[in-house]
């Protein structure tokens, strides 16, 4: 073919491509409802289910849309226990679980969901930001760990809808004075690993009795200064999954405004992102195929932001947080009031995409307010990132904050098949 004919053929091809209608999306990003999926990719799609939210939340979710459910939270009795757990801890020994009727009710909720989705795994998450203090009192003492692990095994035995335990200890070596009392020592870094080893022994012992295998997972802060203090390499050897809390990188506690849950880091020397978290955790010794990428079903905003800087809305001055005293807002609220049905922003708000961090920010120039959030389009990118980098999958905090858009995007991102079909087994790493 001569050059002129080749150029004519190329021009004709480009013309045909330009005139062709774009392929329809299997599930549009902004529908405001759950669409059914079949978990064919073998990847984790998990979500936290808080026990202070309505128990019918899961009834609205199609059976194939979730592979893992994390029940938040179970607390501990004894030193560091929360005042509201006094009744549940009456008659309990120190470091036993503070169980209540609420846990029994959710056991029934999960059992009902598993009738529709029998391969979904349910994990009881222990701790949380306000409920982690007892870990600082038990992790470095073998006898105290034994009391706790025995209580965990008993809980799983008496709550059959649960398939394992998730440790949400925030954060080994320093609790950030979460309840007004500073706790933590350097020994916690090794105590964390020894706690995981003891839990694995307890779960294996229970498995020998019941014939079931129980999962052991953890939710972790991926800040490099913290991760280097914890023996994650030893802990990961006995764990099934590590849920990276790749959100809350910015908020009322940071001096400057920023996107709280970006995919990519705003600067080369920053690890405040999903990709940065993977670097930190793999360097700490956790295999990539045990890491689960975190998604936020909520945004965090700031007031007094005059506009973007060299790194977008990251690292720019601010005068306060917005909205409310915590600066957080659910995705459901954003979608209903400020994002709009096309995801471009409404009522003075504009959805701004930052190519560097691959994330969206809602920006109101007239009021000088911004909100960093996980947009369904950025969540799909997070899912594709998880697949491309060999991660176990994605998970989110938390179900009640979504209108269906974020969970749909999580499923699409990791390659689940739109449409209901027979649920297939989930491959565990």
Protein backbone atom coordinates (compact mmCIF):
# COMPACT_ATOMS: atom_id res chain seq x y z
CA UNK A 1 0.00 0.00 0.00
CA UNK A 2 1.35 3.42 -0.93
CA UNK A 3 1.76 6.11 1.72
CA UNK A 4 -1.11 8.16 0.25
CA UNK A 5 -3.46 5.18 0.29
CA UNK A 6 -2.38 4.31 3.84
CA UNK A 7 -3.15 7.86 4.96
CA UNK A 8 -6.55 7.74 3.25
CA UNK A 9 -7.36 4.43 4.98
CA UNK A 10 -6.28 5.82 8.36
CA UNK A 11 -8.41 8.92 7.87
CA UNK A 12 -11.41 6.78 6.98
CA UNK A 13 -10.89 4.64 10.09
CA UNK A 14 -10.63 7.70 12.35
CA UNK A 15 -13.76 9.16 10.79
CA UNK A 16 -15.64 5.92 11.41
CA UNK A 17 -14.44 5.83 15.04
CA UNK A 18 -15.46 9.43 15.60
CA UNK A 19 -18.93 8.91 14.18
CA UNK A 20 -19.63 5.71 16.08
CA UNK A 21 -21.79 6.03 19.18
CA UNK A 22 -19.85 5.53 22.44
CA UNK A 23 -20.31 2.17 24.11
CA UNK A 24 -22.99 2.22 26.75
CA UNK A 25 -21.73 1.87 30.31
CA UNK A 26 -22.83 -1.39 31.94
CA UNK A 27 -23.96 0.58 35.00
CA UNK A 28 -23.96 4.41 34.85
CA UNK A 29 -22.01 6.06 37.69
CA UNK A 30 -24.92 8.10 39.09
CA UNK A 31 -28.11 6.07 39.46
CA UNK A 32 -28.75 6.38 43.18
CA UNK A 33 -29.62 2.70 43.54
CA UNK A 34 -27.99 -0.69 43.91
CA UNK A 35 -27.53 -2.70 40.72
CA UNK A 36 -26.99 -6.46 40.95
CA UNK A 37 -23.59 -8.04 40.31
CA UNK A 38 -22.16 -11.52 40.24
CA UNK A 39 -18.76 -11.90 41.99
CA UNK A 40 -16.89 -13.52 39.10
CA UNK A 41 -13.54 -11.74 39.51
CA UNK A 42 -12.43 -13.52 42.68
CA UNK A 43 -11.74 -10.13 44.28
CA UNK A 44 -12.91 -8.88 47.66
CA UNK A 45 -15.74 -6.35 47.75
CA UNK A 46 -16.30 -5.57 51.42
CA UNK A 47 -18.13 -3.03 53.51
CA UNK A 48 -18.47 -2.13 57.16
CA UNK A 49 -21.94 -2.52 58.68
CA UNK A 50 -22.22 -0.45 61.90
CA UNK A 51 -24.38 -1.84 64.68
CA UNK A 52 -25.82 1.61 65.37
CA UNK A 53 -27.44 1.74 61.93
CA UNK A 54 -30.80 0.18 60.93
CA UNK A 55 -30.73 -3.59 60.70
CA UNK A 56 -32.52 -3.62 57.34
CA UNK A 57 -29.57 -2.00 55.50
CA UNK A 58 -28.47 -5.30 53.99
CA UNK A 59 -31.97 -6.14 52.82
CA UNK A 60 -31.56 -3.44 50.15
CA UNK A 61 -28.30 -4.87 48.76
CA UNK A 62 -28.36 -7.53 46.01
CA UNK A 63 -26.84 -10.81 47.11
CA UNK A 64 -23.88 -10.82 44.75
CA UNK A 65 -22.67 -7.30 45.49
CA UNK A 66 -20.69 -8.12 48.64
CA UNK A 67 -18.12 -10.79 49.36
CA UNK A 68 -17.18 -9.61 52.88
CA UNK A 69 -19.15 -7.88 55.63
CA UNK A 70 -17.40 -6.26 58.59
CA UNK A 71 -19.56 -5.81 61.67
CA UNK A 72 -18.61 -2.68 63.62
CA UNK A 73 -17.88 -2.87 66.46
CA UNK A 74 -17.33 -5.32 69.27
CA UNK A 75 -15.66 -3.81 72.35
CA UNK A 76 -13.65 -5.19 75.26
CA UNK A 77 -14.21 -5.20 79.00
CA UNK A 78 -11.66 -4.23 81.62
CA UNK A 79 -8.98 -1.54 81.60
CA UNK A 80 -9.75 0.99 78.88
CA UNK A 81 -13.35 -0.11 78.41
CA UNK A 82 -15.89 2.48 77.29
CA UNK A 83 -18.42 3.79 79.85
CA UNK A 84 -21.34 2.75 77.65
CA UNK A 85 -20.19 -0.88 77.84
CA UNK A 86 -20.65 -1.11 81.62
CA UNK A 87 -23.89 -3.10 81.40
CA UNK A 88 -22.52 -5.48 78.76
CA UNK A 89 -19.39 -6.04 80.87
CA UNK A 90 -21.23 -6.84 84.08
CA UNK A 91 -20.03 -10.24 85.26
CA UNK A 92 -17.39 -10.44 82.52
CA UNK A 93 -13.69 -10.91 83.18
CA UNK A 94 -11.19 -8.29 82.06
CA UNK A 95 -10.41 -8.55 78.33
CA UNK A 96 -13.50 -10.57 77.44
CA UNK A 97 -15.76 -9.24 74.70
CA UNK A 98 -18.56 -6.89 75.75
CA UNK A 99 -21.33 -8.70 73.91
CA UNK A 100 -24.99 -7.70 74.01
CA UNK A 101 -28.42 -8.48 72.57
CA UNK A 102 -27.55 -6.19 69.66
CA UNK A 103 -24.88 -8.64 68.53
CA UNK A 104 -27.39 -11.49 68.61
CA UNK A 105 -29.80 -9.46 66.50
CA UNK A 106 -27.15 -8.76 63.87
CA UNK A 107 -26.14 -12.42 63.86
CA UNK A 108 -29.70 -13.07 62.65
CA UNK A 109 -29.39 -10.23 60.09
CA UNK A 110 -26.21 -11.73 58.65
CA UNK A 111 -27.70 -15.23 58.65
CA UNK A 112 -30.62 -13.88 56.63
CA UNK A 113 -28.29 -12.23 54.13
CA UNK A 114 -26.23 -15.41 53.80
CA UNK A 115 -29.36 -17.32 52.85
CA UNK A 116 -29.25 -15.21 49.69
CA UNK A 117 -25.45 -15.08 49.47
CA UNK A 118 -24.06 -18.18 51.20
CA UNK A 119 -20.45 -17.51 50.19
CA UNK A 120 -20.31 -14.05 51.76
CA UNK A 121 -17.91 -13.90 54.70
CA UNK A 122 -18.93 -12.02 57.87
CA UNK A 123 -16.24 -10.67 60.18
CA UNK A 124 -16.71 -9.27 63.68
CA UNK A 125 -14.55 -6.17 63.94
CA UNK A 126 -13.16 -5.46 67.41
CA UNK A 127 -12.06 -2.01 68.51
CA UNK A 128 -12.49 1.06 66.32
CA UNK A 129 -11.23 4.58 67.01
CA UNK A 130 -13.00 4.88 70.37
CA UNK A 131 -12.90 1.21 71.34
CA UNK A 132 -9.22 0.30 70.97
CA UNK A 133 -7.85 1.32 74.37
CA UNK A 134 -8.08 -2.17 75.96
CA UNK A 135 -5.67 -3.52 73.32
CA UNK A 136 -2.93 -1.36 74.82
CA UNK A 137 -3.46 -3.13 78.15
CA UNK A 138 -3.54 -6.71 76.85
CA UNK A 139 -1.33 -7.09 73.78
CA UNK A 140 1.98 -7.43 75.63
CA UNK A 141 0.73 -9.88 78.25
CA UNK A 142 0.33 -13.56 77.20
CA UNK A 143 -2.20 -14.32 79.96
CA UNK A 144 -4.39 -11.39 79.00
CA UNK A 145 -4.17 -12.30 75.33
CA UNK A 146 -5.34 -15.79 76.25
CA UNK A 147 -8.48 -14.42 77.92
CA UNK A 148 -9.25 -12.30 74.88
CA UNK A 149 -8.65 -15.02 72.28
CA UNK A 150 -10.78 -17.50 74.24
CA UNK A 151 -13.59 -14.93 74.32
CA UNK A 152 -13.29 -14.44 70.57
CA UNK A 153 -13.58 -18.19 69.98
CA UNK A 154 -16.63 -18.34 72.25
CA UNK A 155 -18.28 -15.47 70.38
CA UNK A 156 -17.79 -17.18 67.03
CA UNK A 157 -19.11 -20.45 68.39
CA UNK A 158 -22.29 -18.84 69.71
CA UNK A 159 -22.81 -16.56 66.67
CA UNK A 160 -22.69 -18.95 63.72
CA UNK A 161 -23.32 -16.34 61.02
CA UNK A 162 -19.83 -14.96 61.65
CA UNK A 163 -16.86 -16.38 59.75
CA UNK A 164 -13.98 -14.73 61.56
CA UNK A 165 -12.57 -11.80 63.45
CA UNK A 166 -11.22 -8.41 62.36
CA UNK A 167 -8.91 -6.43 64.66
CA UNK A 168 -9.35 -2.67 64.33
CA UNK A 169 -6.67 -1.53 66.81
CA UNK A 170 -6.10 2.19 66.39
CA UNK A 171 -3.18 2.52 66.62
CA UNK A 172 -0.43 0.30 68.12
CA UNK A 173 2.25 2.34 69.97
CA UNK A 174 -0.01 5.43 70.26
CA UNK A 175 -3.77 5.82 70.66
CA UNK A 176 -3.75 9.54 69.94
CA UNK A 177 -5.49 10.11 73.30
CA UNK A 178 -8.72 8.95 71.67
CA UNK A 179 -10.60 8.98 74.98
CA UNK A 180 -8.55 11.63 76.71
CA UNK A 181 -5.93 9.20 78.02
CA UNK A 182 -2.63 8.71 76.19
CA UNK A 183 -1.72 5.04 75.76
CA UNK A 184 0.93 3.12 73.89
CA UNK A 185 4.55 1.98 74.12
CA UNK A 186 7.10 0.79 71.52
CA UNK A 187 6.45 -2.78 72.70
CA UNK A 188 2.99 -2.64 71.08
CA UNK A 189 4.56 -3.15 67.67
CA UNK A 190 5.62 -6.68 68.59
CA UNK A 191 2.59 -7.22 70.83
CA UNK A 192 0.39 -6.65 67.79
CA UNK A 193 2.08 -9.51 65.94
CA UNK A 194 1.92 -11.83 68.97
CA UNK A 195 -1.76 -11.06 69.39
CA UNK A 196 -2.38 -12.09 65.79
CA UNK A 197 -0.43 -15.32 66.24
CA UNK A 198 -2.44 -16.18 69.38
CA UNK A 199 -5.70 -15.39 67.59
CA UNK A 200 -4.73 -17.66 64.72
CA UNK A 201 -4.08 -20.50 67.18
CA UNK A 202 -7.46 -19.91 68.84
CA UNK A 203 -9.30 -19.82 65.51
CA UNK A 204 -7.57 -22.98 64.31
CA UNK A 205 -8.50 -24.69 67.57
CA UNK A 206 -12.13 -23.70 67.07
CA UNK A 207 -11.98 -24.90 63.46
CA UNK A 208 -10.92 -28.33 64.68
CA UNK A 209 -14.13 -28.48 66.70
CA UNK A 210 -16.56 -27.07 64.14
CA UNK A 211 -15.07 -28.12 60.81
CA UNK A 212 -15.12 -24.51 59.60
CA UNK A 213 -12.15 -22.34 58.71
CA UNK A 214 -12.23 -18.91 60.37
CA UNK A 215 -10.73 -15.77 58.87
CA UNK A 216 -8.37 -13.43 60.67
CA UNK A 217 -8.10 -9.88 59.33
CA UNK A 218 -7.21 -6.39 60.50
CA UNK A 219 -7.93 -2.79 59.61
CA UNK A 220 -4.71 -0.76 59.62
CA UNK A 221 -3.54 2.82 59.51
CA UNK A 222 -1.02 3.06 56.67
CA UNK A 223 0.89 6.11 57.87
CA UNK A 224 4.55 5.28 57.31
CA UNK A 225 5.70 6.55 60.71
CA UNK A 226 3.25 4.15 62.36
CA UNK A 227 3.66 1.18 60.01
CA UNK A 228 7.40 1.05 60.63
CA UNK A 229 6.78 0.58 64.36
CA UNK A 230 4.55 -2.49 63.94
CA UNK A 231 5.75 -5.99 63.06
CA UNK A 232 3.38 -6.31 60.14
CA UNK A 233 5.54 -8.91 58.42
CA UNK A 234 5.11 -11.44 61.25
CA UNK A 235 1.44 -10.62 61.72
CA UNK A 236 0.63 -10.97 58.01
CA UNK A 237 1.90 -14.54 57.94
CA UNK A 238 -1.07 -15.70 60.02
CA UNK A 239 -3.65 -13.30 58.58
CA UNK A 240 -6.01 -13.62 55.63
CA UNK A 241 -6.59 -9.97 54.72
CA UNK A 242 -5.33 -6.53 55.72
CA UNK A 243 -7.85 -3.73 55.20
CA UNK A 244 -5.96 -0.50 54.51
CA UNK A 245 -7.80 2.52 55.89
CA UNK A 246 -6.84 4.69 52.93
CA UNK A 247 -9.07 7.56 53.94
CA UNK A 248 -8.93 10.38 56.51
CA UNK A 249 -5.57 11.55 55.19
CA UNK A 250 -6.89 15.08 55.74
CA UNK A 251 -9.40 16.54 58.18
CA UNK A 252 -9.85 18.86 61.11
CA UNK A 253 -6.63 17.48 62.64
CA UNK A 254 -4.45 18.57 59.67
CA UNK A 255 -3.24 22.19 59.48
CA UNK A 256 -3.92 22.44 55.75
CA UNK A 257 -6.80 21.38 53.52
CA UNK A 258 -6.48 18.30 51.37
CA UNK A 259 -8.30 15.44 49.71
CA UNK A 260 -8.84 12.80 52.38
CA UNK A 261 -8.93 9.68 50.20
CA UNK A 262 -6.97 10.13 46.94
CA UNK A 263 -5.82 7.32 44.70
CA UNK A 264 -2.44 8.90 43.96
CA UNK A 265 -0.23 11.05 46.17
CA UNK A 266 -0.26 14.82 45.61
CA UNK A 267 3.54 15.07 45.85
CA UNK A 268 6.37 12.58 45.17
CA UNK A 269 7.44 12.54 48.81
CA UNK A 270 3.95 11.86 50.19
CA UNK A 271 2.34 8.51 50.93
CA UNK A 272 -1.07 10.00 51.77
CA UNK A 273 -2.92 8.01 49.14
CA UNK A 274 -3.90 4.50 48.13
CA UNK A 275 -0.81 4.01 46.00
CA UNK A 276 1.34 5.35 48.82
CA UNK A 277 -0.29 2.97 51.29
CA UNK A 278 0.58 0.02 49.07
CA UNK A 279 4.20 1.15 49.02
CA UNK A 280 4.25 1.48 52.80
CA UNK A 281 2.55 -1.82 53.59
CA UNK A 282 4.44 -3.97 51.10
CA UNK A 283 7.69 -2.46 52.36
CA UNK A 284 6.54 -3.39 55.87
CA UNK A 285 6.28 -7.01 54.76
CA UNK A 286 2.59 -7.50 53.90
CA UNK A 287 2.08 -9.37 50.60
CA UNK A 288 0.12 -7.34 48.05
CA UNK A 289 -2.41 -10.15 47.61
CA UNK A 290 -3.50 -9.74 51.24
CA UNK A 291 -4.01 -5.98 51.01
CA UNK A 292 -7.50 -4.55 50.50
CA UNK A 293 -7.86 -0.97 49.21
CA UNK A 294 -10.01 1.39 51.27
CA UNK A 295 -12.88 3.44 49.82
CA UNK A 296 -14.76 6.21 51.64
CA UNK A 297 -18.53 6.43 51.39
CA UNK A 298 -18.25 9.94 52.80
CA UNK A 299 -16.43 13.20 52.16
CA UNK A 300 -14.43 15.61 54.31
CA UNK A 301 -14.56 19.33 53.71
CA UNK A 302 -12.89 22.60 54.62
CA UNK A 303 -13.92 26.24 54.85
CA UNK A 304 -11.90 29.31 53.98
CA UNK A 305 -10.26 27.69 50.95
CA UNK A 306 -9.57 30.38 48.36
CA UNK A 307 -8.84 27.98 45.55
CA UNK A 308 -6.53 25.26 44.28
CA UNK A 309 -2.76 25.53 44.50
CA UNK A 310 0.10 23.80 42.65
CA UNK A 311 -1.14 20.42 43.94
CA UNK A 312 -4.83 21.05 43.44
CA UNK A 313 -6.75 21.29 46.67
CA UNK A 314 -4.01 19.49 48.59
CA UNK A 315 -1.86 21.46 51.00
CA UNK A 316 -3.76 24.74 50.60
CA UNK A 317 -4.62 27.07 53.50
CA UNK A 318 -7.98 26.77 55.23
CA UNK A 319 -9.72 28.50 58.12
CA UNK A 320 -11.92 25.66 59.36
CA UNK A 321 -13.79 22.49 58.48
CA UNK A 322 -17.05 22.13 56.59
CA UNK A 323 -19.81 21.03 57.02
CA UNK A 324 -20.36 20.70 60.77
CA UNK A 325 -17.78 20.42 63.51
CA UNK A 326 -16.19 17.23 62.08
CA UNK A 327 -16.20 18.35 58.46
CA UNK A 328 -17.65 15.05 57.25
CA UNK A 329 -20.67 14.39 55.04
CA UNK A 330 -22.07 11.14 53.62
CA UNK A 331 -21.89 10.38 49.93
CA UNK A 332 -25.66 9.94 49.99
CA UNK A 333 -26.05 13.57 51.10
CA UNK A 334 -23.55 14.81 48.51
CA UNK A 335 -25.31 12.96 45.72
CA UNK A 336 -28.76 14.17 46.74
CA UNK A 337 -27.94 17.82 47.29
CA UNK A 338 -24.64 19.00 45.85
CA UNK A 339 -23.26 16.59 43.26
CA UNK A 340 -26.29 16.40 41.00
CA UNK A 341 -27.58 13.57 38.77
CA UNK A 342 -24.73 13.99 36.26
CA UNK A 343 -21.92 14.31 38.79
CA UNK A 344 -20.86 17.81 37.72
CA UNK A 345 -22.04 19.74 40.77
CA UNK A 346 -25.11 21.86 41.44
CA UNK A 347 -26.23 24.88 43.46
CA UNK A 348 -22.94 26.69 43.07
CA UNK A 349 -20.79 23.57 43.51
CA UNK A 350 -18.48 22.23 40.82
CA UNK A 351 -16.96 18.75 40.69
CA UNK A 352 -13.27 19.26 39.91
CA UNK A 353 -11.12 16.33 38.76
CA UNK A 354 -7.44 16.34 39.74
CA UNK A 355 -5.37 14.29 37.30
CA UNK A 356 -2.42 14.15 39.68
CA UNK A 357 -4.30 12.48 42.54
CA UNK A 358 -6.98 10.92 40.28
CA UNK A 359 -9.68 12.18 42.60
CA UNK A 360 -12.65 14.55 42.66
CA UNK A 361 -13.26 17.59 44.81
CA UNK A 362 -16.48 19.56 45.15
CA UNK A 363 -15.61 23.26 45.10
CA UNK A 364 -17.76 26.31 45.73
CA UNK A 365 -15.83 29.40 44.66
CA UNK A 366 -18.33 31.90 46.04
CA UNK A 367 -18.37 30.41 49.56
CA UNK A 368 -14.72 29.24 49.47
CA UNK A 369 -15.64 25.74 50.59
CA UNK A 370 -14.33 22.40 49.32
CA UNK A 371 -15.14 18.74 49.94
CA UNK A 372 -12.86 15.86 49.03
CA UNK A 373 -14.82 12.66 48.44
CA UNK A 374 -14.77 9.33 46.64
CA UNK A 375 -16.68 9.83 43.41
CA UNK A 376 -18.00 6.69 41.65
CA UNK A 377 -15.63 7.47 38.77
CA UNK A 378 -12.60 7.60 41.07
CA UNK A 379 -13.78 4.48 42.92
CA UNK A 380 -13.77 2.55 39.66
CA UNK A 381 -10.17 3.66 39.18
CA UNK A 382 -9.34 2.43 42.68
CA UNK A 383 -10.81 -0.95 41.82
CA UNK A 384 -8.82 -1.16 38.60
CA UNK A 385 -5.72 -0.11 40.53
CA UNK A 386 -6.32 -2.93 43.02
CA UNK A 387 -6.57 -5.46 40.19
CA UNK A 388 -3.54 -4.12 38.31
CA UNK A 389 -1.36 -4.23 41.43
CA UNK A 390 -2.43 -7.67 42.59
CA UNK A 391 -4.35 -6.51 45.66
CA UNK A 392 -7.06 -8.65 47.23
CA UNK A 393 -9.81 -6.16 46.36
CA UNK A 394 -11.63 -3.16 47.83
CA UNK A 395 -13.67 -2.34 50.92
CA UNK A 396 -15.51 0.72 52.23
CA UNK A 397 -16.55 2.54 55.36
CA UNK A 398 -19.61 2.33 55.68
CA UNK A 399 -22.78 0.97 54.09
CA UNK A 400 -25.40 3.41 55.40
CA UNK A 401 -23.55 6.35 53.83
CA UNK A 402 -24.01 5.09 50.26
CA UNK A 403 -27.00 5.31 47.92
CA UNK A 404 -25.71 2.43 45.79
CA UNK A 405 -23.38 4.42 43.51
CA UNK A 406 -20.17 3.68 45.44
CA UNK A 407 -20.80 -0.02 45.92
CA UNK A 408 -21.70 -0.33 42.23
CA UNK A 409 -18.42 1.37 41.32
CA UNK A 410 -16.45 -0.92 43.63
CA UNK A 411 -17.89 -3.97 41.89
CA UNK A 412 -17.27 -2.58 38.41
CA UNK A 413 -13.73 -1.53 39.29
CA UNK A 414 -12.58 -5.00 40.34
CA UNK A 415 -14.31 -6.65 37.39
CA UNK A 416 -17.45 -8.18 38.84
CA UNK A 417 -20.11 -9.04 36.29
CA UNK A 418 -23.19 -6.78 36.14
CA UNK A 419 -26.43 -8.67 36.48
CA UNK A 420 -27.62 -11.39 38.85
CA UNK A 421 -26.33 -14.91 38.39
CA UNK A 422 -25.22 -17.85 40.47
CA UNK A 423 -22.76 -16.75 43.14
CA UNK A 424 -19.32 -18.22 42.61
CA UNK A 425 -16.70 -19.00 45.26
CA UNK A 426 -14.31 -16.28 46.39
CA UNK A 427 -10.66 -17.18 46.03
CA UNK A 428 -8.84 -16.45 49.26
CA UNK A 429 -5.20 -15.34 49.09
